[in-house]
Each structure stands twice: as C-alpha cells, then as structure tokens.
Amino acid sequence: MRRRFTRALATGLAAGVMAGGAAMVSVGTASAAPAKSTTSHSTAHHCHQVKAHFETRHGKRVRVSEHMVRTRM
C-alpha cells in the first residue's frame, strides 16, 4: 500500500514539474520575441542592379534592359 502511494505521489510531482517547466519555456520563448526595429522607413529598403534579360510577355519574347530593383524588408 505504501509503495502505491509513493509511486502516485512521485508521478504527480513529476507531472507538476514537467508542466511547470513547459510553462516556463513558453514564457521564455514568448518574451524572446524580436523588438520593433528603430530604423527609419527610408533605410528599410535594399536596391540591387538587375542585368538585361529576356522575358516572355503575351507570348512574345521581349528583352528587358538593365535596371534597379528595390526590395522591401
């Protein structure tokens, strides 16, 4: 009888510790969210040069000249 009680108590404590650890892990990851960036809107863009290439537009092969492309981040 005593062994059964001890086992039930140990199982309950282990479940409580695991649940408490899971709660602590979830709080830790929630608080590790990235902070809002303080950079201005104009510096949040990145531009790069695209070489001339061919594209198919409306069934015709068209040459696209070299140009700058702005990528928002």
PDB file of N, CA and C in Angstrom:
ATOM      1  N   MET A   1       0.825  -1.183   0.000  1.00  0.00           N
ATOM      2  CA  MET A   1       0.000   0.000   0.000  1.00  0.00           C
ATOM      3  C   MET A   1       0.877   1.257   0.000  1.00  0.00           C
ATOM      4  N   ARG A   2       1.930   1.240   0.803  1.00  0.00           N
ATOM      5  CA  ARG A   2       2.803   2.394   0.899  1.00  0.00           C
ATOM      6  C   ARG A   2       3.517   2.639  -0.433  1.00  0.00           C
ATOM      7  N   ARG A   3       3.922   1.569  -1.111  1.00  0.00           N
ATOM      8  CA  ARG A   3       4.629   1.695  -2.382  1.00  0.00           C
ATOM      9  C   ARG A   3       3.721   2.345  -3.430  1.00  0.00           C
ATOM     10  N   ARG A   4       2.452   1.965  -3.454  1.00  0.00           N
ATOM     11  CA  ARG A   4       1.496   2.526  -4.394  1.00  0.00           C
ATOM     12  C   ARG A   4       1.322   4.029  -4.149  1.00  0.00           C
ATOM     13  N   PHE A   5       1.218   4.410  -2.861  1.00  0.00           N
ATOM     14  CA  PHE A   5       1.066   5.816  -2.501  1.00  0.00           C
ATOM     15  C   PHE A   5       2.313   6.619  -2.914  1.00  0.00           C
ATOM     16  N   THR A   6       3.466   6.060  -2.667  1.00  0.00           N
ATOM     17  CA  THR A   6       4.720   6.736  -3.020  1.00  0.00           C
ATOM     18  C   THR A   6       4.825   6.913  -4.521  1.00  0.00           C
ATOM     19  N   ARG A   7       4.464   5.893  -5.273  1.00  0.00           N
ATOM     20  CA  ARG A   7       4.517   5.961  -6.733  1.00  0.00           C
ATOM     21  C   ARG A   7       3.541   7.018  -7.261  1.00  0.00           C
ATOM     22  N   ALA A   8       2.332   7.067  -6.724  1.00  0.00           N
ATOM     23  CA  ALA A   8       1.337   8.051  -7.151  1.00  0.00           C
ATOM     24  C   ALA A   8       1.815   9.469  -6.825  1.00  0.00           C
ATOM     25  N   LEU A   9       2.405   9.636  -5.653  1.00  0.00           N
ATOM     26  CA  LEU A   9       2.923  10.943  -5.266  1.00  0.00           C
ATOM     27  C   LEU A   9       4.075  11.364  -6.174  1.00  0.00           C
ATOM     28  N   ALA A  10       4.979  10.457  -6.469  1.00  0.00           N
ATOM     29  CA  ALA A  10       6.118  10.766  -7.337  1.00  0.00           C
ATOM     30  C   ALA A  10       5.655  11.082  -8.759  1.00  0.00           C
ATOM     31  N   THR A  11       4.677  10.339  -9.250  1.00  0.00           N
ATOM     32  CA  THR A  11       4.149  10.587 -10.593  1.00  0.00           C
ATOM     33  C   THR A  11       3.475  11.948 -10.660  1.00  0.00           C
ATOM     34  N   GLY A  12       2.713  12.287  -9.637  1.00  0.00           N
ATOM     35  CA  GLY A  12       2.046  13.586  -9.589  1.00  0.00           C
ATOM     36  C   GLY A  12       3.042  14.735  -9.534  1.00  0.00           C
ATOM     37  N   LEU A  13       4.073  14.578  -8.711  1.00  0.00           N
ATOM     38  CA  LEU A  13       5.100  15.616  -8.620  1.00  0.00           C
ATOM     39  C   LEU A  13       5.845  15.767  -9.937  1.00  0.00           C
ATOM     40  N   ALA A  14       6.161  14.652 -10.577  1.00  0.00           N
ATOM     41  CA  ALA A  14       6.870  14.709 -11.861  1.00  0.00           C
ATOM     42  C   ALA A  14       6.023  15.406 -12.918  1.00  0.00           C
ATOM     43  N   ALA A  15       4.730  15.118 -12.929  1.00  0.00           N
ATOM     44  CA  ALA A  15       3.839  15.768 -13.894  1.00  0.00           C
ATOM     45  C   ALA A  15       3.764  17.267 -13.624  1.00  0.00           C
ATOM     46  N   GLY A  16       3.719  17.637 -12.352  1.00  0.00           N
ATOM     47  CA  GLY A  16       3.676  19.053 -11.990  1.00  0.00           C
ATOM     48  C   GLY A  16       4.949  19.782 -12.388  1.00  0.00           C
ATOM     49  N   VAL A  17       6.089  19.148 -12.166  1.00  0.00           N
ATOM     50  CA  VAL A  17       7.368  19.753 -12.537  1.00  0.00           C
ATOM     51  C   VAL A  17       7.460  19.905 -14.045  1.00  0.00           C
ATOM     52  N   MET A  18       7.033  18.900 -14.779  1.00  0.00           N
ATOM     53  CA  MET A  18       7.087  18.973 -16.243  1.00  0.00           C
ATOM     54  C   MET A  18       6.151  20.056 -16.763  1.00  0.00           C
ATOM     55  N   ALA A  19       4.957  20.165 -16.179  1.00  0.00           N
ATOM     56  CA  ALA A  19       4.017  21.199 -16.612  1.00  0.00           C
ATOM     57  C   ALA A  19       4.563  22.579 -16.276  1.00  0.00           C
ATOM     58  N   GLY A  20       5.156  22.721 -15.110  1.00  0.00           N
ATOM     59  CA  GLY A  20       5.754  23.997 -14.723  1.00  0.00           C
ATOM     60  C   GLY A  20       6.920  24.357 -15.624  1.00  0.00           C
ATOM     61  N   GLY A  21       7.724  23.375 -15.990  1.00  0.00           N
ATOM     62  CA  GLY A  21       8.844  23.618 -16.902  1.00  0.00           C
ATOM     63  C   GLY A  21       8.356  24.017 -18.279  1.00  0.00           C
ATOM     64  N   ALA A  22       7.278  23.389 -18.739  1.00  0.00           N
ATOM     65  CA  ALA A  22       6.725  23.739 -20.054  1.00  0.00           C
ATOM     66  C   ALA A  22       6.186  25.159 -20.031  1.00  0.00           C
ATOM     67  N   ALA A  23       5.583  25.556 -18.911  1.00  0.00           N
ATOM     68  CA  ALA A  23       5.073  26.927 -18.802  1.00  0.00           C
ATOM     69  C   ALA A  23       6.225  27.914 -18.809  1.00  0.00           C
ATOM     70  N   MET A  24       7.314  27.594 -18.133  1.00  0.00           N
ATOM     71  CA  MET A  24       8.467  28.487 -18.106  1.00  0.00           C
ATOM     72  C   MET A  24       9.104  28.598 -19.480  1.00  0.00           C
ATOM     73  N   VAL A  25       9.170  27.488 -20.221  1.00  0.00           N
ATOM     74  CA  VAL A  25       9.739  27.508 -21.562  1.00  0.00           C
ATOM     75  C   VAL A  25       8.887  28.361 -22.486  1.00  0.00           C
ATOM     76  N   SER A  26       7.558  28.236 -22.381  1.00  0.00           N
ATOM     77  CA  SER A  26       6.688  29.021 -23.257  1.00  0.00           C
ATOM     78  C   SER A  26       6.781  30.505 -22.932  1.00  0.00           C
ATOM     79  N   VAL A  27       6.932  30.864 -21.676  1.00  0.00           N
ATOM     80  CA  VAL A  27       7.093  32.267 -21.304  1.00  0.00           C
ATOM     81  C   VAL A  27       8.433  32.772 -21.804  1.00  0.00           C
ATOM     82  N   GLY A  28       9.477  31.940 -21.708  1.00  0.00           N
ATOM     83  CA  GLY A  28      10.801  32.352 -22.173  1.00  0.00           C
ATOM     84  C   GLY A  28      10.827  32.606 -23.661  1.00  0.00           C
ATOM     85  N   THR A  29      10.165  31.772 -24.448  1.00  0.00           N
ATOM     86  CA  THR A  29      10.162  31.984 -25.895  1.00  0.00           C
ATOM     87  C   THR A  29       9.264  33.142 -26.277  1.00  0.00           C
ATOM     88  N   ALA A  30       8.200  33.379 -25.518  1.00  0.00           N
ATOM     89  CA  ALA A  30       7.312  34.497 -25.832  1.00  0.00           C
ATOM     90  C   ALA A  30       8.017  35.820 -25.570  1.00  0.00           C
ATOM     91  N   SER A  31       8.810  35.886 -24.516  1.00  0.00           N
ATOM     92  CA  SER A  31       9.492  37.127 -24.195  1.00  0.00           C
ATOM     93  C   SER A  31      10.727  37.324 -25.065  1.00  0.00           C
ATOM     94  N   ALA A  32      11.146  36.295 -25.803  1.00  0.00           N
ATOM     95  CA  ALA A  32      12.313  36.408 -26.672  1.00  0.00           C
ATOM     96  C   ALA A  32      11.933  36.910 -28.061  1.00  0.00           C
ATOM     97  N   ALA A  33      10.725  37.453 -28.201  1.00  0.00           N
ATOM     98  CA  ALA A  33      10.285  37.979 -29.488  1.00  0.00           C
ATOM     99  C   ALA A  33      11.142  39.190 -29.849  1.00  0.00           C
ATOM    100  N   PRO A  34      11.430  39.357 -31.142  1.00  0.00           N
ATOM    101  CA  PRO A  34      12.281  40.478 -31.538  1.00  0.00           C
ATOM    102  C   PRO A  34      11.599  41.815 -31.279  1.00  0.00           C
ATOM    103  N   ALA A  35      12.385  42.775 -30.853  1.00  0.00           N
ATOM    104  CA  ALA A  35      11.851  44.111 -30.602  1.00  0.00           C
ATOM    105  C   ALA A  35      11.621  44.821 -31.922  1.00  0.00           C
ATOM    106  N   LYS A  36      10.734  45.816 -31.911  1.00  0.00           N
ATOM    107  CA  LYS A  36      10.448  46.566 -33.122  1.00  0.00           C
ATOM    108  C   LYS A  36      11.691  47.341 -33.540  1.00  0.00           C
ATOM    109  N   SER A  37      11.966  47.326 -34.814  1.00  0.00           N
ATOM    110  CA  SER A  37      13.147  47.998 -35.325  1.00  0.00           C
ATOM    111  C   SER A  37      13.002  49.506 -35.201  1.00  0.00           C
ATOM    112  N   THR A  38      14.094  50.171 -34.876  1.00  0.00           N
ATOM    113  CA  THR A  38      14.074  51.626 -34.733  1.00  0.00           C
ATOM    114  C   THR A  38      14.574  52.325 -35.982  1.00  0.00           C
ATOM    115  N   THR A  39      14.868  51.581 -37.050  1.00  0.00           N
ATOM    116  CA  THR A  39      15.366  52.206 -38.272  1.00  0.00           C
ATOM    117  C   THR A  39      14.246  52.964 -38.957  1.00  0.00           C
ATOM    118  N   SER A  40      14.621  53.992 -39.687  1.00  0.00           N
ATOM    119  CA  SER A  40      13.609  54.785 -40.379  1.00  0.00           C
ATOM    120  C   SER A  40      13.087  54.027 -41.590  1.00  0.00           C
ATOM    121  N   HIS A  41      11.962  54.473 -42.093  1.00  0.00           N
ATOM    122  CA  HIS A  41      11.314  53.797 -43.215  1.00  0.00           C
ATOM    123  C   HIS A  41      12.186  53.824 -44.463  1.00  0.00           C
ATOM    124  N   SER A  42      12.915  54.907 -44.689  1.00  0.00           N
ATOM    125  CA  SER A  42      13.705  55.030 -45.914  1.00  0.00           C
ATOM    126  C   SER A  42      14.892  54.080 -45.936  1.00  0.00           C
ATOM    127  N   THR A  43      15.431  53.700 -44.778  1.00  0.00           N
ATOM    128  CA  THR A  43      16.586  52.806 -44.756  1.00  0.00           C
ATOM    129  C   THR A  43      16.187  51.340 -44.747  1.00  0.00           C
ATOM    130  N   ALA A  44      14.899  51.051 -44.738  1.00  0.00           N
ATOM    131  CA  ALA A  44      14.437  49.662 -44.689  1.00  0.00           C
ATOM    132  C   ALA A  44      14.396  49.038 -46.078  1.00  0.00           C
ATOM    133  N   HIS A  45      14.810  49.765 -47.115  1.00  0.00           N
ATOM    134  CA  HIS A  45      14.785  49.250 -48.478  1.00  0.00           C
ATOM    135  C   HIS A  45      16.195  48.904 -48.938  1.00  0.00           C
ATOM    136  N   HIS A  46      16.278  47.904 -49.778  1.00  0.00           N
ATOM    137  CA  HIS A  46      17.557  47.499 -50.342  1.00  0.00           C
ATOM    138  C   HIS A  46      17.403  47.465 -51.857  1.00  0.00           C
ATOM    139  N   CYS A  47      18.322  48.087 -52.562  1.00  0.00           N
ATOM    140  CA  CYS A  47      18.271  48.127 -54.020  1.00  0.00           C
ATOM    141  C   CYS A  47      19.396  47.281 -54.599  1.00  0.00           C
ATOM    142  N   HIS A  48      19.138  46.684 -55.743  1.00  0.00           N
ATOM    143  CA  HIS A  48      20.192  45.968 -56.452  1.00  0.00           C
ATOM    144  C   HIS A  48      19.970  46.089 -57.950  1.00  0.00           C
ATOM    145  N   GLN A  49      21.052  45.965 -58.679  1.00  0.00           N
ATOM    146  CA  GLN A  49      21.030  46.095 -60.137  1.00  0.00           C
ATOM    147  C   GLN A  49      20.701  44.743 -60.771  1.00  0.00           C
ATOM    148  N   VAL A  50      19.758  44.752 -61.706  1.00  0.00           N
ATOM    149  CA  VAL A  50      19.383  43.535 -62.422  1.00  0.00           C
ATOM    150  C   VAL A  50      19.940  43.635 -63.832  1.00  0.00           C
ATOM    151  N   LYS A  51      20.600  42.576 -64.283  1.00  0.00           N
ATOM    152  CA  LYS A  51      21.170  42.569 -65.634  1.00  0.00           C
ATOM    153  C   LYS A  51      20.066  42.465 -66.684  1.00  0.00           C
ATOM    154  N   ALA A  52      20.423  42.832 -67.908  1.00  0.00           N
ATOM    155  CA  ALA A  52      19.473  42.704 -69.013  1.00  0.00           C
ATOM    156  C   ALA A  52      19.163  41.229 -69.243  1.00  0.00           C
ATOM    157  N   HIS A  53      17.899  40.930 -69.550  1.00  0.00           N
ATOM    158  CA  HIS A  53      17.488  39.544 -69.757  1.00  0.00           C
ATOM    159  C   HIS A  53      16.254  39.512 -70.654  1.00  0.00           C
ATOM    160  N   PHE A  54      15.837  38.311 -71.031  1.00  0.00           N
ATOM    161  CA  PHE A  54      14.659  38.134 -71.872  1.00  0.00           C
ATOM    162  C   PHE A  54      13.513  37.562 -71.043  1.00  0.00           C
ATOM    163  N   GLU A  55      12.309  38.060 -71.296  1.00  0.00           N
ATOM    164  CA  GLU A  55      11.098  37.552 -70.664  1.00  0.00           C
ATOM    165  C   GLU A  55      10.065  37.260 -71.740  1.00  0.00           C
ATOM    166  N   THR A  56       9.126  36.403 -71.416  1.00  0.00           N
ATOM    167  CA  THR A  56       8.022  36.130 -72.330  1.00  0.00           C
ATOM    168  C   THR A  56       6.808  36.891 -71.844  1.00  0.00           C
ATOM    169  N   ARG A  57       6.355  37.838 -72.652  1.00  0.00           N
ATOM    170  CA  ARG A  57       5.179  38.635 -72.297  1.00  0.00           C
ATOM    171  C   ARG A  57       4.152  38.515 -73.413  1.00  0.00           C
ATOM    172  N   HIS A  58       2.985  38.032 -73.070  1.00  0.00           N
ATOM    173  CA  HIS A  58       1.881  37.849 -74.026  1.00  0.00           C
ATOM    174  C   HIS A  58       2.310  36.984 -75.208  1.00  0.00           C
ATOM    175  N   GLY A  59       3.097  35.956 -74.924  1.00  0.00           N
ATOM    176  CA  GLY A  59       3.507  35.011 -75.952  1.00  0.00           C
ATOM    177  C   GLY A  59       4.673  35.472 -76.808  1.00  0.00           C
ATOM    178  N   LYS A  60       5.215  36.650 -76.547  1.00  0.00           N
ATOM    179  CA  LYS A  60       6.352  37.153 -77.317  1.00  0.00           C
ATOM    180  C   LYS A  60       7.566  37.272 -76.413  1.00  0.00           C
ATOM    181  N   ARG A  61       8.745  36.990 -76.983  1.00  0.00           N
ATOM    182  CA  ARG A  61       9.992  37.101 -76.239  1.00  0.00           C
ATOM    183  C   ARG A  61      10.465  38.549 -76.318  1.00  0.00           C
ATOM    184  N   VAL A  62      10.597  39.190 -75.127  1.00  0.00           N
ATOM    185  CA  VAL A  62      10.912  40.615 -75.045  1.00  0.00           C
ATOM    186  C   VAL A  62      12.187  40.783 -74.236  1.00  0.00           C
ATOM    187  N   ARG A  63      13.066  41.684 -74.710  1.00  0.00           N
ATOM    188  CA  ARG A  63      14.296  41.966 -73.976  1.00  0.00           C
ATOM    189  C   ARG A  63      14.014  43.053 -72.946  1.00  0.00           C
ATOM    190  N   VAL A  64      14.410  42.780 -71.688  1.00  0.00           N
ATOM    191  CA  VAL A  64      14.260  43.740 -70.606  1.00  0.00           C
ATOM    192  C   VAL A  64      15.645  44.313 -70.327  1.00  0.00           C
ATOM    193  N   SER A  65      15.779  45.626 -70.421  1.00  0.00           N
ATOM    194  CA  SER A  65      17.090  46.246 -70.230  1.00  0.00           C
ATOM    195  C   SER A  65      17.496  46.237 -68.750  1.00  0.00           C
ATOM    196  N   GLU A  66      18.743  46.548 -68.508  1.00  0.00           N
ATOM    197  CA  GLU A  66      19.284  46.587 -67.162  1.00  0.00           C
ATOM    198  C   GLU A  66      18.557  47.677 -66.353  1.00  0.00           C
ATOM    199  N   HIS A  67      18.217  47.350 -65.064  1.00  0.00           N
ATOM    200  CA  HIS A  67      17.505  48.315 -64.249  1.00  0.00           C
ATOM    201  C   HIS A  67      17.712  48.022 -62.768  1.00  0.00           C
ATOM    202  N   MET A  68      17.338  48.994 -61.923  1.00  0.00           N
ATOM    203  CA  MET A  68      17.440  48.839 -60.470  1.00  0.00           C
ATOM    204  C   MET A  68      16.128  48.273 -59.923  1.00  0.00           C
ATOM    205  N   VAL A  69      16.238  47.398 -58.917  1.00  0.00           N
ATOM    206  CA  VAL A  69      15.075  46.806 -58.274  1.00  0.00           C
ATOM    207  C   VAL A  69      15.171  47.097 -56.784  1.00  0.00           C
ATOM    208  N   ARG A  70      14.087  47.621 -56.195  1.00  0.00           N
ATOM    209  CA  ARG A  70      14.052  47.909 -54.770  1.00  0.00           C
ATOM    210  C   ARG A  70      13.299  46.802 -54.052  1.00  0.00           C
ATOM    211  N   THR A  71      13.912  46.237 -53.031  1.00  0.00           N
ATOM    212  CA  THR A  71      13.298  45.156 -52.264  1.00  0.00           C
ATOM    213  C   THR A  71      12.960  45.680 -50.881  1.00  0.00           C
ATOM    214  N   ARG A  72      11.731  45.511 -50.459  1.00  0.00           N
ATOM    215  CA  ARG A  72      11.332  45.941 -49.121  1.00  0.00           C
ATOM    216  C   ARG A  72      11.658  44.843 -48.127  1.00  0.00           C
ATOM    217  N   MET A  73      12.129  45.236 -46.983  1.00  0.00           N
ATOM    218  CA  MET A  73      12.479  44.285 -45.933  1.00  0.00           C
ATOM    219  C   MET A  73      11.590  44.491 -44.742  1.00  0.00           C
TER     220      MET A  73
END
